């Protein structure tokens, strides 16, 4: 779900801001998009209501990233009994004018898959961003 729509409390809005800071501190050229999903019914049917989704855009195509835009999806599992969300993973996808080019998922082996792959240094930096996101949501109460 769009990050802008998930900012339902001061604490959650602060966490979203912290995630933006994690990426912007490493990659200052990125421009953030708190509403990466269109609000049409077809798109909304595909959106995970238990995720925080952010878009990041480079000023042009980034050669080290081998893409123009990133979609960051922070995924949660909502415990049916406590209704408290728990972070289960982060997915980062790289897009260009042809569509999705690569994906990094923290579910499994933390490997990049797809047609292209960012440079090794970029992969390491993205994995570090994911670790920081896990630390952020593990430290704080997400409910």
N, C-alpha and C. Protein backbone atom coordinates (compact mmCIF):
# COMPACT_ATOMS: atom_id res chain seq x y z
N UNK A 1 0.84 -1.16 0.00
CA UNK A 1 0.00 0.00 0.00
C UNK A 1 0.90 1.24 0.00
N UNK A 2 0.45 2.30 -0.66
CA UNK A 2 1.23 3.54 -0.71
C UNK A 2 1.64 3.98 0.69
N UNK A 3 2.89 4.38 0.83
CA UNK A 3 3.41 4.82 2.12
C UNK A 3 2.60 5.98 2.67
N UNK A 4 2.15 6.88 1.79
CA UNK A 4 1.38 8.04 2.24
C UNK A 4 0.09 7.60 2.93
N UNK A 5 -0.49 6.49 2.49
CA UNK A 5 -1.73 6.00 3.08
C UNK A 5 -1.48 5.18 4.35
N UNK A 6 -0.24 4.73 4.54
CA UNK A 6 0.09 3.94 5.73
C UNK A 6 0.53 4.84 6.89
N UNK A 7 0.71 6.11 6.65
CA UNK A 7 1.13 7.04 7.71
C UNK A 7 -0.07 7.40 8.57
N UNK A 8 -0.60 6.40 9.28
CA UNK A 8 -1.85 6.58 10.03
C UNK A 8 -1.62 7.02 11.47
N UNK A 9 -0.37 7.02 11.91
CA UNK A 9 -0.05 7.50 13.25
C UNK A 9 1.28 8.24 13.17
N UNK A 10 1.56 9.00 14.19
CA UNK A 10 2.82 9.74 14.23
C UNK A 10 4.00 8.78 14.21
N UNK A 11 3.88 7.67 14.94
CA UNK A 11 4.97 6.70 14.98
C UNK A 11 5.21 6.07 13.61
N UNK A 12 4.14 5.69 12.93
CA UNK A 12 4.29 5.07 11.61
C UNK A 12 4.82 6.09 10.60
N UNK A 13 4.33 7.33 10.67
CA UNK A 13 4.83 8.38 9.78
C UNK A 13 6.32 8.61 10.03
N UNK A 14 6.74 8.56 11.28
CA UNK A 14 8.16 8.74 11.61
C UNK A 14 9.00 7.60 11.03
N UNK A 15 8.48 6.39 11.08
CA UNK A 15 9.21 5.25 10.53
C UNK A 15 9.34 5.36 9.01
N UNK A 16 8.28 5.80 8.37
CA UNK A 16 8.33 6.00 6.91
C UNK A 16 9.38 7.05 6.59
N UNK A 17 9.39 8.13 7.35
CA UNK A 17 10.40 9.17 7.17
C UNK A 17 11.80 8.63 7.39
N UNK A 18 11.96 7.75 8.37
CA UNK A 18 13.27 7.15 8.63
C UNK A 18 13.72 6.26 7.48
N UNK A 19 12.78 5.53 6.86
CA UNK A 19 13.13 4.70 5.70
C UNK A 19 13.59 5.59 4.55
N UNK A 20 12.88 6.68 4.32
CA UNK A 20 13.29 7.62 3.28
C UNK A 20 14.71 8.12 3.57
N UNK A 21 14.98 8.45 4.82
CA UNK A 21 16.31 8.94 5.22
C UNK A 21 17.39 7.86 4.97
N UNK A 22 17.06 6.61 5.27
CA UNK A 22 18.02 5.52 5.04
C UNK A 22 18.48 5.50 3.59
N UNK A 23 17.54 5.63 2.66
CA UNK A 23 17.89 5.59 1.23
C UNK A 23 18.54 6.89 0.77
N UNK A 24 17.99 8.04 1.19
CA UNK A 24 18.53 9.32 0.74
C UNK A 24 19.92 9.58 1.31
N UNK A 25 20.23 9.05 2.48
CA UNK A 25 21.57 9.25 3.04
C UNK A 25 22.62 8.49 2.25
N UNK A 26 22.25 7.36 1.68
CA UNK A 26 23.17 6.57 0.85
C UNK A 26 23.19 7.03 -0.60
N UNK A 27 22.01 7.40 -1.09
CA UNK A 27 21.84 7.74 -2.50
C UNK A 27 21.15 9.10 -2.60
N UNK A 28 21.89 10.19 -2.41
CA UNK A 28 21.28 11.52 -2.31
C UNK A 28 20.54 12.00 -3.57
N UNK A 29 20.84 11.42 -4.73
CA UNK A 29 20.17 11.85 -5.96
C UNK A 29 18.74 11.34 -6.08
N UNK A 30 18.36 10.39 -5.24
CA UNK A 30 17.02 9.83 -5.33
C UNK A 30 15.94 10.85 -4.96
N UNK A 31 14.84 10.77 -5.68
CA UNK A 31 13.64 11.56 -5.36
C UNK A 31 12.59 10.56 -4.89
N UNK A 32 11.97 10.86 -3.74
CA UNK A 32 11.03 9.92 -3.13
C UNK A 32 9.62 10.11 -3.69
N UNK A 33 8.90 9.00 -3.77
CA UNK A 33 7.49 8.99 -4.19
C UNK A 33 6.73 8.17 -3.15
N UNK A 34 5.95 8.85 -2.31
CA UNK A 34 5.20 8.17 -1.25
C UNK A 34 3.91 7.53 -1.76
N UNK A 35 3.59 7.75 -3.03
CA UNK A 35 2.40 7.16 -3.65
C UNK A 35 2.78 6.51 -4.98
N UNK A 36 3.56 5.41 -4.94
CA UNK A 36 3.98 4.80 -6.20
C UNK A 36 2.86 4.09 -6.95
N UNK A 37 1.76 3.77 -6.28
CA UNK A 37 0.66 3.06 -6.92
C UNK A 37 -0.43 4.02 -7.35
N UNK A 38 -0.98 3.79 -8.54
CA UNK A 38 -2.14 4.56 -9.00
C UNK A 38 -3.34 4.15 -8.17
N UNK A 39 -4.34 5.00 -8.11
CA UNK A 39 -5.50 4.71 -7.27
C UNK A 39 -6.67 4.14 -8.07
N UNK A 40 -6.40 3.59 -9.25
CA UNK A 40 -7.48 2.97 -10.03
C UNK A 40 -7.80 1.59 -9.45
N UNK A 41 -9.03 1.11 -9.64
CA UNK A 41 -9.45 -0.16 -9.04
C UNK A 41 -8.60 -1.36 -9.44
N UNK A 42 -8.13 -1.41 -10.68
CA UNK A 42 -7.32 -2.54 -11.12
C UNK A 42 -5.99 -2.61 -10.36
N UNK A 43 -5.38 -1.46 -10.16
CA UNK A 43 -4.11 -1.42 -9.42
C UNK A 43 -4.34 -1.73 -7.96
N UNK A 44 -5.37 -1.16 -7.38
CA UNK A 44 -5.63 -1.37 -5.96
C UNK A 44 -5.92 -2.83 -5.63
N UNK A 45 -6.43 -3.59 -6.59
CA UNK A 45 -6.65 -5.02 -6.37
C UNK A 45 -5.34 -5.78 -6.21
N UNK A 46 -4.25 -5.25 -6.75
CA UNK A 46 -2.96 -5.93 -6.70
C UNK A 46 -2.11 -5.52 -5.50
N UNK A 47 -2.50 -4.46 -4.82
CA UNK A 47 -1.69 -3.88 -3.74
C UNK A 47 -1.88 -4.66 -2.45
N UNK A 48 -0.79 -4.93 -1.76
CA UNK A 48 -0.82 -5.63 -0.48
C UNK A 48 -1.15 -4.63 0.62
N UNK A 49 -2.28 -4.80 1.31
CA UNK A 49 -2.66 -3.85 2.35
C UNK A 49 -1.75 -3.90 3.57
N UNK A 50 -0.93 -4.95 3.69
CA UNK A 50 -0.02 -5.09 4.82
C UNK A 50 1.42 -4.78 4.43
N UNK A 51 1.59 -3.82 3.55
CA UNK A 51 2.95 -3.41 3.17
C UNK A 51 3.02 -1.88 3.13
N UNK A 52 4.23 -1.40 3.23
CA UNK A 52 4.51 0.03 3.03
C UNK A 52 5.32 0.09 1.74
N UNK A 53 4.79 0.78 0.74
CA UNK A 53 5.44 0.84 -0.57
C UNK A 53 5.89 2.26 -0.87
N UNK A 54 7.16 2.38 -1.24
CA UNK A 54 7.75 3.66 -1.60
C UNK A 54 8.43 3.55 -2.95
N UNK A 55 8.36 4.61 -3.72
CA UNK A 55 9.09 4.69 -4.97
C UNK A 55 10.25 5.65 -4.81
N UNK A 56 11.34 5.38 -5.49
CA UNK A 56 12.49 6.29 -5.53
C UNK A 56 12.89 6.41 -6.99
N UNK A 57 13.17 7.63 -7.42
CA UNK A 57 13.49 7.88 -8.83
C UNK A 57 14.83 8.60 -8.94
N UNK A 58 15.65 8.13 -9.87
CA UNK A 58 16.90 8.80 -10.20
C UNK A 58 16.61 9.90 -11.22
N UNK A 59 17.50 10.90 -11.32
CA UNK A 59 17.27 11.96 -12.32
C UNK A 59 17.33 11.45 -13.76
N UNK A 60 17.92 10.32 -13.96
CA UNK A 60 18.01 9.65 -15.27
C UNK A 60 18.25 8.18 -14.99
N UNK A 61 18.75 7.46 -15.98
CA UNK A 61 19.08 6.06 -15.76
C UNK A 61 20.38 6.00 -14.97
N UNK A 62 20.38 5.23 -13.90
CA UNK A 62 21.57 5.05 -13.08
C UNK A 62 22.35 3.85 -13.60
N UNK A 63 23.57 4.08 -14.02
CA UNK A 63 24.40 2.98 -14.52
C UNK A 63 24.75 1.98 -13.42
N UNK A 64 25.12 2.45 -12.22
CA UNK A 64 25.43 1.46 -11.17
C UNK A 64 24.22 0.61 -10.77
N UNK A 65 23.02 1.22 -10.79
CA UNK A 65 21.80 0.51 -10.41
C UNK A 65 21.17 -0.23 -11.60
N UNK A 66 21.53 0.20 -12.81
CA UNK A 66 20.96 -0.36 -14.04
C UNK A 66 19.44 -0.22 -14.07
N UNK A 67 18.97 0.94 -13.61
CA UNK A 67 17.53 1.23 -13.63
C UNK A 67 17.33 2.74 -13.46
N UNK A 68 16.09 3.15 -13.57
CA UNK A 68 15.72 4.56 -13.39
C UNK A 68 14.95 4.78 -12.10
N UNK A 69 14.26 3.74 -11.65
CA UNK A 69 13.41 3.86 -10.46
C UNK A 69 13.52 2.60 -9.61
N UNK A 70 13.28 2.79 -8.31
CA UNK A 70 13.23 1.69 -7.36
C UNK A 70 11.85 1.64 -6.73
N UNK A 71 11.35 0.45 -6.54
CA UNK A 71 10.14 0.24 -5.75
C UNK A 71 10.56 -0.54 -4.52
N UNK A 72 10.33 0.05 -3.34
CA UNK A 72 10.67 -0.58 -2.07
C UNK A 72 9.37 -0.99 -1.40
N UNK A 73 9.24 -2.28 -1.12
CA UNK A 73 8.04 -2.80 -0.46
C UNK A 73 8.46 -3.45 0.85
N UNK A 74 7.98 -2.85 1.94
CA UNK A 74 8.26 -3.35 3.28
C UNK A 74 7.05 -4.16 3.68
N UNK A 75 7.24 -5.46 3.82
CA UNK A 75 6.11 -6.38 3.99
C UNK A 75 5.94 -6.80 5.44
N UNK A 76 4.66 -6.84 5.86
CA UNK A 76 4.31 -7.21 7.22
C UNK A 76 3.35 -8.38 7.23
N UNK A 77 3.34 -9.10 8.35
CA UNK A 77 2.34 -10.11 8.63
C UNK A 77 1.55 -9.61 9.83
N UNK A 78 0.25 -9.57 9.67
CA UNK A 78 -0.60 -9.11 10.77
C UNK A 78 -1.12 -10.33 11.52
N UNK A 79 -0.68 -10.47 12.77
CA UNK A 79 -1.12 -11.58 13.62
C UNK A 79 -2.62 -11.45 13.85
N UNK A 80 -3.40 -12.47 13.47
CA UNK A 80 -4.86 -12.37 13.59
C UNK A 80 -5.34 -12.18 15.03
N UNK A 81 -4.58 -12.67 15.99
CA UNK A 81 -5.04 -12.55 17.37
C UNK A 81 -4.68 -11.21 17.99
N UNK A 82 -3.45 -10.78 17.81
CA UNK A 82 -3.05 -9.51 18.43
C UNK A 82 -3.28 -8.32 17.51
N UNK A 83 -3.49 -8.59 16.21
CA UNK A 83 -3.62 -7.55 15.18
C UNK A 83 -2.37 -6.68 15.09
N UNK A 84 -1.29 -7.13 15.66
CA UNK A 84 -0.05 -6.38 15.63
C UNK A 84 0.78 -6.81 14.42
N UNK A 85 1.23 -5.87 13.58
CA UNK A 85 2.02 -6.24 12.41
C UNK A 85 3.46 -6.59 12.78
N UNK A 86 4.04 -7.54 12.05
CA UNK A 86 5.42 -7.95 12.26
C UNK A 86 6.12 -7.92 10.90
N UNK A 87 7.27 -7.28 10.84
CA UNK A 87 8.04 -7.20 9.60
C UNK A 87 8.51 -8.58 9.18
N UNK A 88 8.19 -8.96 7.94
CA UNK A 88 8.62 -10.27 7.45
C UNK A 88 9.60 -10.18 6.28
N UNK A 89 9.71 -9.01 5.65
CA UNK A 89 10.65 -8.91 4.54
C UNK A 89 10.60 -7.59 3.83
N UNK A 90 11.64 -7.36 3.04
CA UNK A 90 11.75 -6.16 2.21
C UNK A 90 12.05 -6.61 0.79
N UNK A 91 11.32 -6.07 -0.16
CA UNK A 91 11.58 -6.31 -1.58
C UNK A 91 11.96 -4.98 -2.22
N UNK A 92 13.03 -4.99 -2.99
CA UNK A 92 13.44 -3.80 -3.75
C UNK A 92 13.54 -4.23 -5.21
N UNK A 93 12.83 -3.50 -6.07
CA UNK A 93 12.84 -3.80 -7.50
C UNK A 93 13.35 -2.60 -8.27
N UNK A 94 14.15 -2.86 -9.31
CA UNK A 94 14.64 -1.81 -10.19
C UNK A 94 13.87 -1.81 -11.50
N UNK A 95 13.45 -0.62 -11.92
CA UNK A 95 12.64 -0.47 -13.14
C UNK A 95 13.30 0.52 -14.10
N UNK A 96 13.10 0.28 -15.38
CA UNK A 96 13.43 1.27 -16.41
C UNK A 96 12.24 1.36 -17.37
N UNK A 97 12.45 1.96 -18.54
CA UNK A 97 11.34 2.15 -19.48
C UNK A 97 10.77 0.84 -20.02
N UNK A 98 11.50 -0.25 -19.85
CA UNK A 98 11.01 -1.56 -20.31
C UNK A 98 10.28 -2.33 -19.22
N UNK A 99 10.29 -1.81 -18.00
CA UNK A 99 9.61 -2.49 -16.89
C UNK A 99 10.59 -2.95 -15.83
N UNK A 100 10.19 -3.95 -15.09
CA UNK A 100 11.01 -4.47 -13.99
C UNK A 100 12.23 -5.18 -14.54
N UNK A 101 13.41 -4.77 -14.06
CA UNK A 101 14.67 -5.33 -14.57
C UNK A 101 15.32 -6.28 -13.57
N UNK A 102 15.15 -6.01 -12.28
CA UNK A 102 15.76 -6.86 -11.26
C UNK A 102 14.99 -6.72 -9.95
N UNK A 103 15.21 -7.68 -9.05
CA UNK A 103 14.54 -7.69 -7.75
C UNK A 103 15.50 -8.23 -6.69
N UNK A 104 15.49 -7.59 -5.53
CA UNK A 104 16.22 -8.06 -4.36
C UNK A 104 15.19 -8.32 -3.28
N UNK A 105 15.15 -9.53 -2.76
CA UNK A 105 14.21 -9.88 -1.71
C UNK A 105 14.97 -10.40 -0.49
N UNK A 106 14.54 -9.94 0.69
CA UNK A 106 15.16 -10.44 1.93
C UNK A 106 14.52 -11.76 2.35
N UNK A 107 13.52 -12.22 1.64
CA UNK A 107 12.93 -13.52 1.91
C UNK A 107 13.78 -14.54 1.16
N UNK A 108 14.40 -15.43 1.87
CA UNK A 108 15.28 -16.40 1.23
C UNK A 108 16.74 -15.99 1.34
N UNK A 109 17.45 -16.03 0.23
CA UNK A 109 18.91 -15.88 0.23
C UNK A 109 19.40 -14.45 0.01
N UNK A 110 18.53 -13.46 -0.04
CA UNK A 110 18.92 -12.06 -0.24
C UNK A 110 19.71 -11.92 -1.56
N UNK A 111 19.25 -12.58 -2.60
CA UNK A 111 19.91 -12.52 -3.89
C UNK A 111 19.14 -11.62 -4.85
N UNK A 112 19.87 -11.04 -5.80
CA UNK A 112 19.26 -10.25 -6.86
C UNK A 112 18.91 -11.18 -8.01
N UNK A 113 17.68 -11.09 -8.48
CA UNK A 113 17.24 -11.88 -9.63
C UNK A 113 16.73 -10.93 -10.71
N UNK A 114 16.70 -11.40 -11.95
CA UNK A 114 16.15 -10.60 -13.05
C UNK A 114 17.07 -10.56 -14.24
N UNK A 115 16.66 -9.76 -15.24
CA UNK A 115 17.41 -9.63 -16.49
C UNK A 115 18.76 -8.94 -16.29
N UNK A 116 18.77 -7.95 -15.44
CA UNK A 116 19.98 -7.18 -15.16
C UNK A 116 20.28 -7.31 -13.68
N UNK A 117 21.44 -6.82 -13.30
CA UNK A 117 21.81 -6.82 -11.89
C UNK A 117 22.63 -5.57 -11.61
N UNK A 118 22.33 -4.89 -10.50
CA UNK A 118 23.14 -3.71 -10.16
C UNK A 118 24.58 -4.13 -9.86
N UNK A 119 25.46 -3.14 -9.83
CA UNK A 119 26.86 -3.41 -9.50
C UNK A 119 26.93 -3.99 -8.09
N UNK A 120 27.99 -4.76 -7.83
CA UNK A 120 28.14 -5.43 -6.53
C UNK A 120 28.11 -4.45 -5.36
N UNK A 121 28.75 -3.30 -5.51
CA UNK A 121 28.76 -2.30 -4.44
C UNK A 121 27.33 -1.81 -4.15
N UNK A 122 26.53 -1.62 -5.19
CA UNK A 122 25.14 -1.19 -5.03
C UNK A 122 24.34 -2.27 -4.32
N UNK A 123 24.56 -3.53 -4.71
CA UNK A 123 23.85 -4.64 -4.05
C UNK A 123 24.15 -4.63 -2.56
N UNK A 124 25.42 -4.44 -2.21
CA UNK A 124 25.80 -4.42 -0.79
C UNK A 124 25.14 -3.25 -0.07
N UNK A 125 25.08 -2.09 -0.71
CA UNK A 125 24.45 -0.93 -0.08
C UNK A 125 22.94 -1.15 0.09
N UNK A 126 22.30 -1.76 -0.89
CA UNK A 126 20.87 -2.04 -0.78
C UNK A 126 20.60 -3.05 0.33
N UNK A 127 21.45 -4.06 0.45
CA UNK A 127 21.29 -5.03 1.53
C UNK A 127 21.47 -4.36 2.89
N UNK A 128 22.39 -3.43 2.96
CA UNK A 128 22.58 -2.69 4.21
C UNK A 128 21.34 -1.85 4.53
N UNK A 129 20.74 -1.24 3.51
CA UNK A 129 19.49 -0.49 3.72
C UNK A 129 18.41 -1.42 4.28
N UNK A 130 18.33 -2.63 3.75
CA UNK A 130 17.35 -3.61 4.24
C UNK A 130 17.61 -3.95 5.70
N UNK A 131 18.88 -4.15 6.06
CA UNK A 131 19.22 -4.44 7.46
C UNK A 131 18.78 -3.29 8.37
N UNK A 132 19.01 -2.07 7.92
CA UNK A 132 18.61 -0.91 8.71
C UNK A 132 17.09 -0.83 8.86
N UNK A 133 16.36 -1.22 7.82
CA UNK A 133 14.89 -1.24 7.91
C UNK A 133 14.45 -2.28 8.93
N UNK A 134 15.08 -3.45 8.91
CA UNK A 134 14.75 -4.47 9.92
C UNK A 134 15.03 -3.94 11.32
N UNK A 135 16.19 -3.30 11.50
CA UNK A 135 16.52 -2.72 12.81
C UNK A 135 15.49 -1.69 13.24
N UNK A 136 15.08 -0.85 12.32
CA UNK A 136 14.13 0.21 12.62
C UNK A 136 12.80 -0.36 13.11
N UNK A 137 12.29 -1.35 12.41
CA UNK A 137 10.99 -1.90 12.77
C UNK A 137 11.07 -2.90 13.93
N UNK A 138 12.24 -3.47 14.17
CA UNK A 138 12.40 -4.35 15.33
C UNK A 138 12.50 -3.54 16.62
N UNK A 139 13.09 -2.35 16.55
CA UNK A 139 13.28 -1.51 17.72
C UNK A 139 11.99 -0.90 18.21
N UNK A 140 11.09 -0.62 17.30
CA UNK A 140 9.92 0.17 17.65
C UNK A 140 8.66 -0.69 17.60
N UNK A 141 7.68 -0.25 18.29
CA UNK A 141 6.38 -0.91 18.27
C UNK A 141 5.62 -0.44 17.04
N UNK A 142 5.30 -1.35 16.10
CA UNK A 142 4.64 -0.97 14.87
C UNK A 142 3.13 -0.87 14.99
N UNK A 143 2.58 -1.32 16.05
CA UNK A 143 1.11 -1.31 16.17
C UNK A 143 0.56 0.08 16.32
